[in-house]
Protein backbone atom coordinates (compact mmCIF):
# COMPACT_ATOMS: atom_id res chain seq x y z
CA MET A 1 66.56 122.67 75.98
CA LYS A 2 68.14 125.49 78.02
CA LYS A 3 67.26 123.71 81.28
CA GLN A 4 68.80 120.50 79.93
CA ASN A 5 72.02 122.35 79.02
CA SER A 6 72.15 123.85 82.52
CA LEU A 7 71.82 120.41 84.07
CA ILE A 8 74.54 119.06 81.78
CA ASN A 9 76.80 121.98 82.74
CA ILE A 10 76.18 121.39 86.44
CA ALA A 11 77.04 117.72 86.08
CA LEU A 12 80.14 118.42 83.99
CA THR A 13 81.27 121.16 86.37
CA ALA A 14 80.97 118.77 89.30
CA MET A 15 83.02 116.23 87.35
CA PHE A 16 85.73 118.80 86.52
CA LEU A 17 85.85 119.91 90.17
CA ALA A 18 86.19 116.29 91.28
CA LEU A 19 88.99 115.75 88.75
CA ALA A 20 90.78 118.87 89.97
CA TYR A 21 90.49 117.51 93.50
CA VAL A 22 91.83 114.00 92.78
CA MET A 23 94.34 114.51 89.96
CA PRO A 24 97.08 115.80 92.32
CA PHE A 25 96.85 112.44 94.12
CA LEU A 26 97.70 110.68 90.86
CA THR A 27 100.56 112.94 89.80
CA GLY A 28 101.86 113.08 93.37
CA GLN A 29 102.90 109.46 92.96
CA VAL A 30 105.75 110.74 90.78
CA PRO A 31 107.46 113.17 93.20
CA GLN A 32 110.10 114.37 90.72
CA ILE A 33 107.55 115.84 88.32
CA GLY A 34 104.17 115.53 90.08
CA ASN A 35 103.70 119.22 90.88
CA MET A 36 105.38 120.22 87.63
CA LEU A 37 102.49 118.64 85.71
CA CYS A 38 100.06 121.22 87.16
CA PRO A 39 97.28 118.64 87.60
CA MET A 40 94.54 121.03 88.75
CA HIS A 41 94.99 123.26 85.71
CA ILE A 42 93.76 120.70 83.19
CA PRO A 43 90.20 120.19 84.54
CA VAL A 44 89.78 123.93 85.10
CA LEU A 45 90.81 124.82 81.56
CA LEU A 46 88.61 122.06 80.17
CA CYS A 47 85.67 123.30 82.23
CA GLY A 48 86.08 126.78 80.73
CA PHE A 49 86.11 125.35 77.21
CA VAL A 50 83.34 122.81 77.68
CA CYS A 51 80.92 124.51 80.09
CA GLY A 52 81.74 128.17 79.63
CA ALA A 53 83.40 131.03 81.45
CA PRO A 54 81.27 131.23 84.63
CA TRP A 55 81.58 127.49 85.26
CA GLY A 56 85.33 127.51 84.59
CA LEU A 57 85.76 130.47 86.92
CA PHE A 58 83.86 128.62 89.66
CA VAL A 59 85.94 125.45 89.38
CA GLY A 60 89.11 127.55 89.24
CA VAL A 61 88.32 129.31 92.50
CA ALA A 62 86.88 126.29 94.27
CA ALA A 63 89.45 123.57 93.47
CA PRO A 64 92.57 124.88 95.24
CA LEU A 65 90.61 126.34 98.16
CA LEU A 66 88.65 123.12 98.66
CA ARG A 67 91.83 121.01 98.57
CA SER A 68 93.55 123.39 100.96
CA LEU A 69 90.69 123.49 103.45
CA THR A 70 90.07 119.72 103.42
CA LEU A 71 93.57 118.31 102.90
CA GLY A 72 95.91 121.14 103.86
CA MET A 73 97.49 120.98 100.41
CA PRO A 74 98.26 123.31 98.88
CA PRO A 75 98.85 125.56 101.90
CA LEU A 76 96.11 128.18 102.07
CA PHE A 77 98.36 131.23 102.17
CA PRO A 78 99.83 132.20 99.82
CA THR A 79 99.77 129.11 97.58
CA ALA A 80 96.08 128.13 97.42
CA LEU A 81 94.99 131.77 97.41
CA ALA A 82 97.24 132.63 94.46
CA MET A 83 96.22 129.41 92.70
CA ALA A 84 92.54 130.26 93.16
CA PHE A 85 93.04 133.54 91.30
CA GLU A 86 95.24 131.88 88.67
CA LEU A 87 92.85 129.00 88.00
CA ALA A 88 89.84 131.33 88.03
CA ALA A 89 91.54 133.33 85.28
CA TYR A 90 92.19 130.11 83.32
CA GLY A 91 88.57 129.01 83.50
CA LEU A 92 87.17 132.47 82.77
CA ILE A 93 89.50 133.41 79.91
CA SER A 94 89.42 130.02 78.17
CA GLY A 95 85.63 130.08 78.31
CA ILE A 96 85.31 133.63 77.01
CA LEU A 97 87.85 133.29 74.21
CA TYR A 98 86.51 129.94 73.06
CA ARG A 99 83.06 131.52 72.63
CA VAL A 100 84.39 134.70 70.96
CA PHE A 101 86.97 133.27 68.54
CA PRO A 102 85.94 131.58 65.28
CA LYS A 103 85.20 127.87 65.58
CA LYS A 104 88.41 126.67 63.96
CA LYS A 105 90.95 124.31 65.49
CA GLY A 106 93.76 126.86 65.56
CA TYR A 107 91.70 129.15 67.75
CA ILE A 108 91.44 126.48 70.43
CA TYR A 109 95.21 126.77 70.78
CA CYS A 110 95.02 130.58 70.79
CA SER A 111 92.36 130.54 73.51
CA LEU A 112 94.38 128.09 75.57
CA ILE A 113 97.72 129.88 75.30
CA ILE A 114 96.23 133.30 76.03
CA ALA A 115 94.38 131.88 79.06
CA MET A 116 97.60 130.24 80.27
CA ILE A 117 99.59 133.46 79.93
CA ILE A 118 96.96 135.59 81.65
CA GLY A 119 96.51 133.02 84.43
CA ARG A 120 100.24 132.94 85.12
CA LEU A 121 100.40 136.74 85.17
CA VAL A 122 97.48 136.79 87.62
CA TRP A 123 99.27 134.17 89.78
CA GLY A 124 102.44 136.28 89.79
CA THR A 125 100.53 139.44 90.68
CA VAL A 126 98.72 137.77 93.59
CA GLN A 127 101.95 136.13 94.84
CA PHE A 128 103.68 139.52 94.70
CA ALA A 129 100.79 141.12 96.61
CA CYS A 130 100.83 138.32 99.20
CA MET A 131 104.53 138.97 99.76
CA GLY A 132 103.81 142.61 100.55
CA PHE A 133 104.91 143.89 97.14
CA ASP A 134 108.47 143.11 98.22
CA VAL A 135 110.72 142.23 95.27
CA SER A 136 113.20 140.59 97.62
CA LYS A 137 110.50 138.05 98.63
CA PHE A 138 108.94 137.53 95.20
CA GLY A 139 110.77 139.06 92.27
CA PHE A 140 110.97 138.31 88.57
CA SER A 141 113.25 135.29 89.03
CA ALA A 142 110.79 133.72 91.49
CA PHE A 143 107.93 134.46 89.09
CA TRP A 144 109.82 132.99 86.13
CA ALA A 145 110.77 129.88 88.09
CA GLY A 146 107.23 129.29 89.37
CA ALA A 147 105.28 130.26 86.27
CA VAL A 148 107.49 128.83 83.54
CA VAL A 149 110.55 126.79 84.53
CA ASN A 150 108.99 124.57 87.21
CA ALA A 151 105.70 124.36 85.30
CA PHE A 152 107.21 123.55 81.89
CA PRO A 153 106.15 119.86 81.81
CA GLY A 154 102.60 120.92 82.74
CA ILE A 155 102.58 123.65 80.10
CA VAL A 156 103.59 121.15 77.42
CA LEU A 157 101.04 118.61 78.65
CA GLN A 158 98.26 121.22 78.58
CA ILE A 159 99.15 122.42 75.07
CA VAL A 160 99.20 118.85 73.76
CA LEU A 161 96.25 117.37 75.67
CA ILE A 162 93.60 120.07 76.10
CA PRO A 163 92.99 120.99 72.42
CA VAL A 164 92.65 117.31 71.51
CA ILE A 165 90.11 116.73 74.28
CA VAL A 166 88.19 119.89 73.31
CA MET A 167 88.05 118.76 69.67
CA ILE A 168 86.75 115.34 70.72
CA ILE A 169 84.12 116.91 72.97
CA GLU A 170 83.04 119.25 70.16
CA LYS A 171 82.01 116.19 68.16
CA PHE A 172 79.74 114.98 70.98
CA ARG A 173 78.43 118.37 72.16
CA PRO A 174 77.50 120.34 69.05
CA ASP A 175 75.30 122.57 71.24
CA ARG A 176 78.50 124.14 72.63
CA ILE A 177 79.96 125.06 69.24
């Protein structure tokens, strides 16, 4: 049974990585809000919830770096690098908290929101480091704009969509509960 679960996790992780790779193509068709929807975040967070922390961390690191190295988008430095840390935190934290918290619907939201906050703080820290710890290049207003204001549609989408998907998957994968 453990080997079967590992194979399922490998297959699901590959699917989440593929989704993270292609979803920006779909949202990019709507230039006004495409990037604001944070399309790579959704598969990474779902991977953490569904497959667990190590798998979510892997997809989080791999997705932006793979897109950057194969497509040139996002630019490798500092964008893809900072995103790799951010998304790794999303996958890791959502996976850990989902396993640790009680198996009640409200805790899915808690796990998600905490992962989103920590991921954004990680992104801001890495961006700040990439800018040489220079507040004039990346200060609080740049952090706030990038982490909250510009990402607001994506934040709302994640809070609405991800818990529903996780609850649906729970019904079909009782081994993960």
